[in-house]
Amino acid sequence: MQLDLPFDETVSPGESPVLWTPRDIWVRLNQRILEHLKEDRRFERKGCKKVDLVDLATYHSTFSNTPDGGLIVYGVENDGEIVGCSSLSQDQLNKIEACHLNLCPMSRPEFKKIQVVVNGKIDFCCAIFIPYVGKLVETNKGEAWIRYGESRHRMSEE
């Protein structure tokens, strides 16, 4: 028996989207899921008005240090509105994908684009899956971060 979810995803009996790992979300990710997914320990939304690579590096550390990792999606505002990434230049998109190389080199992100429709036009969101690494991952500034709930927290020396 299959259960129908509000975003047209089917799951087996006893399975719930709240139990999906970040990898589970990553594999199933589409516009309908983005429309219903709230920020939590597994998922962070990012708009496209300003791309802050130093901020992004802290999320690379955060999800690399958080069991099960996490997912960042550019093109979704904090309130959940899907705005897409067509406003970003190819240079900005390349910098997002290369950010970890210099700013958080122990991070091991995976990238993909998710097709979305915004105001009747085809657009895309940039999704980044950052797996848990299993050892402390710091930014190039020597800071380590972790995720609790919907917030990242700087780790202390302990």
N, C-alpha and C. Protein backbone atom coordinates (compact mmCIF):
# COMPACT_ATOMS: atom_id res chain seq x y z
N MET A 1 0.84 -1.19 0.00
CA MET A 1 0.00 0.00 0.00
C MET A 1 0.88 1.25 0.00
N GLN A 2 0.53 2.24 -0.81
CA GLN A 2 1.28 3.48 -0.90
C GLN A 2 0.47 4.61 -0.28
N LEU A 3 1.17 5.56 0.32
CA LEU A 3 0.53 6.76 0.87
C LEU A 3 0.81 7.93 -0.06
N ASP A 4 -0.19 8.72 -0.38
CA ASP A 4 0.02 9.91 -1.19
C ASP A 4 0.28 11.08 -0.27
N LEU A 5 1.32 11.82 -0.56
CA LEU A 5 1.67 12.99 0.23
C LEU A 5 1.18 14.24 -0.47
N PRO A 6 1.12 15.36 0.24
CA PRO A 6 0.61 16.59 -0.38
C PRO A 6 1.44 17.06 -1.56
N PHE A 7 2.66 16.56 -1.69
CA PHE A 7 3.49 17.00 -2.80
C PHE A 7 3.73 15.89 -3.81
N ASP A 8 2.74 15.01 -3.95
CA ASP A 8 2.73 13.97 -4.99
C ASP A 8 3.88 12.98 -4.89
N GLU A 9 4.48 12.85 -3.76
CA GLU A 9 5.52 11.85 -3.56
C GLU A 9 4.87 10.66 -2.87
N THR A 10 5.18 9.47 -3.27
CA THR A 10 4.61 8.31 -2.60
C THR A 10 5.67 7.67 -1.73
N VAL A 11 5.24 7.14 -0.60
CA VAL A 11 6.14 6.47 0.32
C VAL A 11 5.46 5.20 0.80
N SER A 12 6.25 4.30 1.31
CA SER A 12 5.73 3.05 1.84
C SER A 12 5.03 3.29 3.17
N PRO A 13 4.15 2.40 3.56
CA PRO A 13 3.49 2.55 4.86
C PRO A 13 4.53 2.64 5.97
N GLY A 14 4.26 3.51 6.91
CA GLY A 14 5.18 3.70 8.03
C GLY A 14 6.32 4.65 7.73
N GLU A 15 6.48 5.07 6.47
CA GLU A 15 7.53 6.01 6.11
C GLU A 15 6.95 7.42 6.08
N SER A 16 7.68 8.36 6.63
CA SER A 16 7.21 9.74 6.68
C SER A 16 8.31 10.68 6.22
N PRO A 17 7.98 11.75 5.47
CA PRO A 17 8.99 12.71 5.03
C PRO A 17 9.77 13.34 6.18
N VAL A 18 9.17 13.41 7.36
CA VAL A 18 9.92 13.96 8.50
C VAL A 18 11.05 13.03 8.91
N LEU A 19 11.01 11.79 8.47
CA LEU A 19 12.07 10.83 8.78
C LEU A 19 13.11 10.72 7.67
N TRP A 20 12.87 11.39 6.54
CA TRP A 20 13.82 11.33 5.44
C TRP A 20 15.14 11.95 5.88
N THR A 21 16.21 11.33 5.49
CA THR A 21 17.53 11.91 5.71
C THR A 21 17.76 12.98 4.65
N PRO A 22 18.78 13.82 4.83
CA PRO A 22 19.09 14.77 3.76
C PRO A 22 19.35 14.07 2.42
N ARG A 23 19.97 12.89 2.44
CA ARG A 23 20.20 12.14 1.20
C ARG A 23 18.87 11.71 0.58
N ASP A 24 17.92 11.28 1.41
CA ASP A 24 16.59 10.90 0.89
C ASP A 24 15.93 12.09 0.20
N ILE A 25 16.01 13.26 0.83
CA ILE A 25 15.43 14.46 0.23
C ILE A 25 16.14 14.77 -1.08
N TRP A 26 17.46 14.71 -1.08
CA TRP A 26 18.29 14.98 -2.26
C TRP A 26 17.86 14.13 -3.45
N VAL A 27 17.65 12.85 -3.20
CA VAL A 27 17.29 11.92 -4.28
C VAL A 27 15.90 12.24 -4.84
N ARG A 28 14.98 12.65 -3.97
CA ARG A 28 13.59 12.89 -4.38
C ARG A 28 13.32 14.34 -4.78
N LEU A 29 14.25 15.23 -4.61
CA LEU A 29 14.02 16.67 -4.72
C LEU A 29 13.42 17.10 -6.05
N ASN A 30 12.32 17.83 -5.96
CA ASN A 30 11.67 18.45 -7.11
C ASN A 30 10.91 19.68 -6.62
N GLN A 31 10.24 20.38 -7.50
CA GLN A 31 9.55 21.62 -7.12
C GLN A 31 8.47 21.37 -6.07
N ARG A 32 7.71 20.32 -6.21
CA ARG A 32 6.62 20.04 -5.26
C ARG A 32 7.18 19.83 -3.85
N ILE A 33 8.29 19.14 -3.74
CA ILE A 33 8.91 18.94 -2.43
C ILE A 33 9.43 20.27 -1.90
N LEU A 34 10.09 21.06 -2.76
CA LEU A 34 10.59 22.37 -2.33
C LEU A 34 9.46 23.26 -1.80
N GLU A 35 8.29 23.17 -2.41
CA GLU A 35 7.15 23.99 -1.99
C GLU A 35 6.66 23.65 -0.59
N HIS A 36 6.89 22.42 -0.14
CA HIS A 36 6.37 21.98 1.15
C HIS A 36 7.44 21.78 2.22
N LEU A 37 8.69 21.79 1.83
CA LEU A 37 9.78 21.53 2.77
C LEU A 37 10.08 22.77 3.60
N LYS A 38 10.12 22.61 4.89
CA LYS A 38 10.45 23.69 5.82
C LYS A 38 11.91 23.55 6.24
N GLU A 39 12.51 24.68 6.63
CA GLU A 39 13.88 24.62 7.14
C GLU A 39 13.89 23.84 8.45
N ASP A 40 14.88 22.98 8.56
CA ASP A 40 15.10 22.22 9.79
C ASP A 40 16.56 21.80 9.82
N ARG A 41 16.87 20.82 10.64
CA ARG A 41 18.27 20.38 10.76
C ARG A 41 18.84 19.90 9.42
N ARG A 42 17.97 19.46 8.52
CA ARG A 42 18.41 18.85 7.27
C ARG A 42 18.49 19.81 6.10
N PHE A 43 17.81 20.97 6.18
CA PHE A 43 17.55 21.76 4.97
C PHE A 43 17.67 23.26 5.23
N GLU A 44 18.35 23.97 4.34
CA GLU A 44 18.53 25.42 4.41
C GLU A 44 18.15 26.04 3.07
N ARG A 45 17.33 27.10 3.12
CA ARG A 45 16.94 27.85 1.92
C ARG A 45 17.88 29.05 1.74
N LYS A 46 18.15 29.39 0.48
CA LYS A 46 18.96 30.58 0.17
C LYS A 46 18.35 31.27 -1.04
N GLY A 47 18.09 32.56 -0.90
CA GLY A 47 17.63 33.37 -2.02
C GLY A 47 18.81 33.69 -2.93
N CYS A 48 18.55 34.44 -3.97
CA CYS A 48 19.60 34.75 -4.95
C CYS A 48 19.93 36.24 -5.04
N LYS A 49 19.39 37.04 -4.14
CA LYS A 49 19.67 38.48 -4.21
C LYS A 49 21.13 38.77 -3.93
N LYS A 50 21.70 38.04 -2.99
CA LYS A 50 23.11 38.22 -2.65
C LYS A 50 23.71 36.86 -2.35
N VAL A 51 24.77 36.52 -3.04
CA VAL A 51 25.47 35.27 -2.79
C VAL A 51 26.71 35.60 -1.97
N ASP A 52 26.71 35.12 -0.73
CA ASP A 52 27.81 35.37 0.21
C ASP A 52 28.60 34.07 0.36
N LEU A 53 29.77 34.00 -0.27
CA LEU A 53 30.55 32.77 -0.27
C LEU A 53 31.13 32.44 1.10
N VAL A 54 31.46 33.45 1.90
CA VAL A 54 31.96 33.20 3.26
C VAL A 54 30.85 32.56 4.09
N ASP A 55 29.62 33.07 3.94
CA ASP A 55 28.47 32.48 4.61
C ASP A 55 28.25 31.05 4.13
N LEU A 56 28.35 30.82 2.83
CA LEU A 56 28.19 29.48 2.28
C LEU A 56 29.23 28.53 2.85
N ALA A 57 30.46 29.00 3.04
CA ALA A 57 31.51 28.15 3.61
C ALA A 57 31.14 27.68 5.02
N THR A 58 30.48 28.54 5.80
CA THR A 58 30.07 28.11 7.14
C THR A 58 29.03 26.99 7.05
N TYR A 59 28.18 27.01 6.02
CA TYR A 59 27.22 25.93 5.84
C TYR A 59 27.91 24.64 5.38
N HIS A 60 28.98 24.77 4.63
CA HIS A 60 29.76 23.58 4.27
C HIS A 60 30.29 22.93 5.54
N SER A 61 30.84 23.73 6.44
CA SER A 61 31.32 23.20 7.72
C SER A 61 30.15 22.64 8.53
N THR A 62 29.06 23.41 8.61
CA THR A 62 27.90 23.02 9.41
C THR A 62 27.40 21.64 9.04
N PHE A 63 27.08 21.43 7.76
CA PHE A 63 26.49 20.16 7.37
C PHE A 63 27.53 19.03 7.33
N SER A 64 28.79 19.36 7.11
CA SER A 64 29.84 18.34 7.16
C SER A 64 30.01 17.80 8.58
N ASN A 65 29.67 18.63 9.58
CA ASN A 65 29.81 18.24 10.99
C ASN A 65 28.51 17.75 11.62
N THR A 66 27.41 17.80 10.88
CA THR A 66 26.10 17.41 11.39
C THR A 66 25.77 15.99 10.92
N PRO A 67 25.51 15.07 11.86
CA PRO A 67 25.18 13.70 11.43
C PRO A 67 24.10 13.69 10.36
N ASP A 68 24.30 12.92 9.32
CA ASP A 68 23.46 12.80 8.12
C ASP A 68 23.70 13.91 7.11
N GLY A 69 24.46 14.96 7.47
CA GLY A 69 24.74 16.04 6.53
C GLY A 69 23.54 16.96 6.38
N GLY A 70 23.47 17.63 5.23
CA GLY A 70 22.38 18.56 5.00
C GLY A 70 22.32 19.03 3.57
N LEU A 71 21.31 19.83 3.30
CA LEU A 71 21.00 20.27 1.95
C LEU A 71 20.78 21.77 1.94
N ILE A 72 21.39 22.46 1.00
CA ILE A 72 21.19 23.89 0.78
C ILE A 72 20.58 24.03 -0.61
N VAL A 73 19.55 24.87 -0.73
CA VAL A 73 18.97 25.11 -2.05
C VAL A 73 18.93 26.61 -2.29
N TYR A 74 19.67 27.05 -3.31
CA TYR A 74 19.61 28.43 -3.78
C TYR A 74 18.42 28.58 -4.72
N GLY A 75 17.72 29.71 -4.58
CA GLY A 75 16.56 29.97 -5.42
C GLY A 75 15.26 29.84 -4.66
N VAL A 76 15.36 29.67 -3.33
CA VAL A 76 14.19 29.60 -2.46
C VAL A 76 14.39 30.60 -1.33
N GLU A 77 13.50 31.57 -1.23
CA GLU A 77 13.60 32.58 -0.18
C GLU A 77 13.30 31.98 1.19
N ASN A 78 13.67 32.69 2.25
CA ASN A 78 13.45 32.21 3.61
C ASN A 78 11.98 31.91 3.92
N ASP A 79 11.07 32.64 3.26
CA ASP A 79 9.65 32.41 3.50
C ASP A 79 9.10 31.24 2.68
N GLY A 80 9.97 30.58 1.89
CA GLY A 80 9.56 29.43 1.09
C GLY A 80 9.23 29.76 -0.35
N GLU A 81 9.18 31.05 -0.71
CA GLU A 81 8.88 31.43 -2.09
C GLU A 81 10.00 30.96 -3.02
N ILE A 82 9.61 30.24 -4.06
CA ILE A 82 10.59 29.78 -5.05
C ILE A 82 10.78 30.89 -6.07
N VAL A 83 12.02 31.39 -6.17
CA VAL A 83 12.32 32.50 -7.08
C VAL A 83 13.25 32.07 -8.22
N GLY A 84 13.86 30.90 -8.09
CA GLY A 84 14.76 30.42 -9.13
C GLY A 84 16.11 31.11 -9.10
N CYS A 85 17.00 30.63 -9.94
CA CYS A 85 18.38 31.13 -9.98
C CYS A 85 18.76 31.75 -11.31
N SER A 86 17.79 31.99 -12.19
CA SER A 86 18.13 32.54 -13.51
C SER A 86 18.76 33.93 -13.42
N SER A 87 18.58 34.60 -12.27
CA SER A 87 19.19 35.93 -12.10
C SER A 87 20.69 35.85 -11.82
N LEU A 88 21.18 34.67 -11.49
CA LEU A 88 22.62 34.51 -11.22
C LEU A 88 23.38 34.33 -12.53
N SER A 89 24.55 34.93 -12.59
CA SER A 89 25.41 34.76 -13.77
C SER A 89 26.10 33.40 -13.70
N GLN A 90 26.64 32.96 -14.82
CA GLN A 90 27.38 31.70 -14.82
C GLN A 90 28.59 31.80 -13.89
N ASP A 91 29.20 32.97 -13.82
CA ASP A 91 30.33 33.18 -12.91
C ASP A 91 29.90 32.97 -11.46
N GLN A 92 28.75 33.50 -11.07
CA GLN A 92 28.24 33.31 -9.70
C GLN A 92 27.95 31.83 -9.43
N LEU A 93 27.33 31.16 -10.40
CA LEU A 93 27.04 29.73 -10.23
C LEU A 93 28.34 28.93 -10.09
N ASN A 94 29.35 29.28 -10.88
CA ASN A 94 30.64 28.59 -10.78
C ASN A 94 31.28 28.83 -9.41
N LYS A 95 31.16 30.05 -8.88
CA LYS A 95 31.73 30.37 -7.57
C LYS A 95 31.01 29.60 -6.46
N ILE A 96 29.70 29.43 -6.58
CA ILE A 96 28.96 28.63 -5.60
C ILE A 96 29.49 27.20 -5.60
N GLU A 97 29.68 26.63 -6.79
CA GLU A 97 30.14 25.24 -6.88
C GLU A 97 31.59 25.06 -6.46
N ALA A 98 32.39 26.10 -6.56
CA ALA A 98 33.82 25.99 -6.21
C ALA A 98 34.14 26.54 -4.83
N CYS A 99 33.18 27.11 -4.16
CA CYS A 99 33.38 27.78 -2.87
C CYS A 99 34.16 26.93 -1.88
N HIS A 100 33.78 25.67 -1.75
CA HIS A 100 34.39 24.81 -0.74
C HIS A 100 35.87 24.57 -0.98
N LEU A 101 36.33 24.67 -2.21
CA LEU A 101 37.72 24.34 -2.51
C LEU A 101 38.71 25.19 -1.72
N ASN A 102 38.43 26.47 -1.58
CA ASN A 102 39.31 27.36 -0.83
C ASN A 102 38.79 27.72 0.55
N LEU A 103 37.47 27.76 0.72
CA LEU A 103 36.91 28.26 1.97
C LEU A 103 36.52 27.17 2.97
N CYS A 104 36.39 25.94 2.52
CA CYS A 104 36.08 24.81 3.42
C CYS A 104 36.49 23.52 2.71
N PRO A 105 37.80 23.33 2.52
CA PRO A 105 38.29 22.27 1.64
C PRO A 105 38.01 20.83 2.07
N MET A 106 37.66 20.58 3.31
CA MET A 106 37.36 19.21 3.73
C MET A 106 35.91 18.81 3.44
N SER A 107 35.09 19.78 3.03
CA SER A 107 33.71 19.51 2.67
C SER A 107 33.67 18.72 1.35
N ARG A 108 32.69 17.85 1.20
CA ARG A 108 32.57 17.02 0.00
C ARG A 108 31.19 17.17 -0.64
N PRO A 109 30.85 18.39 -1.12
CA PRO A 109 29.50 18.63 -1.63
C PRO A 109 29.22 17.96 -2.97
N GLU A 110 27.93 17.77 -3.21
CA GLU A 110 27.42 17.32 -4.51
C GLU A 110 26.44 18.39 -4.98
N PHE A 111 26.38 18.61 -6.28
CA PHE A 111 25.57 19.70 -6.84
C PHE A 111 24.61 19.18 -7.91
N LYS A 112 23.44 19.78 -7.96
CA LYS A 112 22.53 19.52 -9.10
C LYS A 112 21.56 20.69 -9.22
N LYS A 113 20.98 20.81 -10.39
CA LYS A 113 19.97 21.83 -10.65
C LYS A 113 18.61 21.15 -10.70
N ILE A 114 17.64 21.82 -10.09
CA ILE A 114 16.27 21.32 -10.04
C ILE A 114 15.41 22.25 -10.88
N GLN A 115 14.72 21.70 -11.87
CA GLN A 115 13.84 22.53 -12.69
C GLN A 115 12.64 22.98 -11.87
N VAL A 116 12.32 24.27 -11.99
CA VAL A 116 11.14 24.84 -11.33
C VAL A 116 10.44 25.76 -12.33
N VAL A 117 9.19 26.06 -12.04
CA VAL A 117 8.44 27.02 -12.84
C VAL A 117 8.15 28.21 -11.94
N VAL A 118 8.60 29.39 -12.38
CA VAL A 118 8.40 30.62 -11.61
C VAL A 118 7.65 31.61 -12.51
N ASN A 119 6.48 32.02 -12.07
CA ASN A 119 5.64 32.94 -12.85
C ASN A 119 5.42 32.45 -14.27
N GLY A 120 5.18 31.15 -14.41
CA GLY A 120 4.89 30.56 -15.70
C GLY A 120 6.09 30.32 -16.59
N LYS A 121 7.30 30.61 -16.10
CA LYS A 121 8.51 30.43 -16.90
C LYS A 121 9.41 29.37 -16.27
N ILE A 122 10.06 28.58 -17.12
CA ILE A 122 10.97 27.55 -16.62
C ILE A 122 12.22 28.22 -16.05
N ASP A 123 12.60 27.79 -14.89
CA ASP A 123 13.77 28.30 -14.18
C ASP A 123 14.44 27.10 -13.51
N PHE A 124 15.34 27.35 -12.59
CA PHE A 124 16.00 26.27 -11.87
C PHE A 124 16.44 26.75 -10.50
N CYS A 125 16.60 25.81 -9.60
CA CYS A 125 17.21 26.07 -8.30
C CYS A 125 18.49 25.26 -8.23
N CYS A 126 19.47 25.77 -7.52
CA CYS A 126 20.75 25.07 -7.33
C CYS A 126 20.74 24.37 -5.99
N ALA A 127 20.84 23.06 -6.02
CA ALA A 127 20.83 22.26 -4.80
C ALA A 127 22.24 21.76 -4.50
N ILE A 128 22.60 21.81 -3.22
CA ILE A 128 23.90 21.33 -2.77
C ILE A 128 23.65 20.35 -1.63
N PHE A 129 24.06 19.10 -1.83
CA PHE A 129 24.02 18.12 -0.74
C PHE A 129 25.41 18.05 -0.13
N ILE A 130 25.49 18.23 1.18
CA ILE A 130 26.76 18.19 1.88
C ILE A 130 26.70 17.04 2.88
N PRO A 131 27.41 15.95 2.60
CA PRO A 131 27.36 14.80 3.50
C PRO A 131 28.17 15.02 4.77
N TYR A 132 27.77 14.31 5.81
CA TYR A 132 28.53 14.26 7.06
C TYR A 132 29.88 13.62 6.75
N VAL A 133 30.96 14.21 7.24
CA VAL A 133 32.30 13.72 6.91
C VAL A 133 32.83 12.75 7.96
N GLY A 134 32.44 12.90 9.21
CA GLY A 134 32.89 11.99 10.25
C GLY A 134 34.12 12.44 11.00
N LYS A 135 34.65 13.59 10.62
CA LYS A 135 35.73 14.23 11.38
C LYS A 135 35.49 15.72 11.31
N LEU A 136 36.11 16.46 12.22
CA LEU A 136 35.86 17.89 12.32
C LEU A 136 36.24 18.61 11.03
N VAL A 137 35.28 19.36 10.49
CA VAL A 137 35.50 20.13 9.26
C VAL A 137 35.41 21.61 9.61
N GLU A 138 36.49 22.33 9.36
CA GLU A 138 36.56 23.75 9.65
C GLU A 138 36.61 24.55 8.35
N THR A 139 36.20 25.81 8.46
CA THR A 139 36.37 26.73 7.34
C THR A 139 37.83 27.14 7.26
N ASN A 140 38.20 27.90 6.25
CA ASN A 140 39.58 28.38 6.12
C ASN A 140 39.94 29.37 7.23
N LYS A 141 38.96 29.80 8.00
CA LYS A 141 39.20 30.71 9.13
C LYS A 141 39.37 29.94 10.44
N GLY A 142 39.41 28.62 10.37
CA GLY A 142 39.59 27.80 11.56
C GLY A 142 38.34 27.67 12.41
N GLU A 143 37.17 27.97 11.84
CA GLU A 143 35.91 27.86 12.56
C GLU A 143 35.19 26.57 12.16
N ALA A 144 34.58 25.93 13.15
CA ALA A 144 33.78 24.74 12.90
C ALA A 144 32.35 25.03 13.33
N TRP A 145 31.41 24.56 12.55
CA TRP A 145 29.99 24.82 12.78
C TRP A 145 29.21 23.52 12.81
N ILE A 146 28.03 23.55 13.44
CA ILE A 146 27.14 22.39 13.49
C ILE A 146 25.70 22.90 13.43
N ARG A 147 24.77 22.05 13.05
CA ARG A 147 23.36 22.44 12.90
C ARG A 147 22.53 21.84 14.03
N TYR A 148 21.72 22.70 14.66
CA TYR A 148 20.70 22.29 15.61
C TYR A 148 19.41 22.95 15.18
N GLY A 149 18.36 22.16 14.99
CA GLY A 149 17.10 22.73 14.52
C GLY A 149 17.30 23.40 13.18
N GLU A 150 16.83 24.63 13.04
CA GLU A 150 16.98 25.34 11.77
C GLU A 150 18.14 26.33 11.80
N SER A 151 19.02 26.23 12.80
CA SER A 151 20.11 27.20 12.94
C SER A 151 21.47 26.52 12.99
N ARG A 152 22.46 27.23 12.51
CA ARG A 152 23.84 26.75 12.62
C ARG A 152 24.46 27.38 13.88
N HIS A 153 25.38 26.68 14.47
CA HIS A 153 26.02 27.15 15.70
C HIS A 153 27.52 26.94 15.60
N ARG A 154 28.25 27.97 15.97
CA ARG A 154 29.71 27.88 15.97
C ARG A 154 30.12 26.97 17.12
N MET A 155 30.99 26.03 16.82
CA MET A 155 31.46 25.09 17.83
C MET A 155 32.60 25.73 18.64
N SER A 156 32.65 25.41 19.92
CA SER A 156 33.71 25.93 20.78
C SER A 156 34.93 25.01 20.67
N GLU A 157 36.01 25.40 21.31
CA GLU A 157 37.24 24.60 21.30
C GLU A 157 37.00 23.21 21.86
N GLU A 158 36.08 23.07 22.82
CA GLU A 158 35.79 21.76 23.40
C GLU A 158 35.17 20.86 22.38
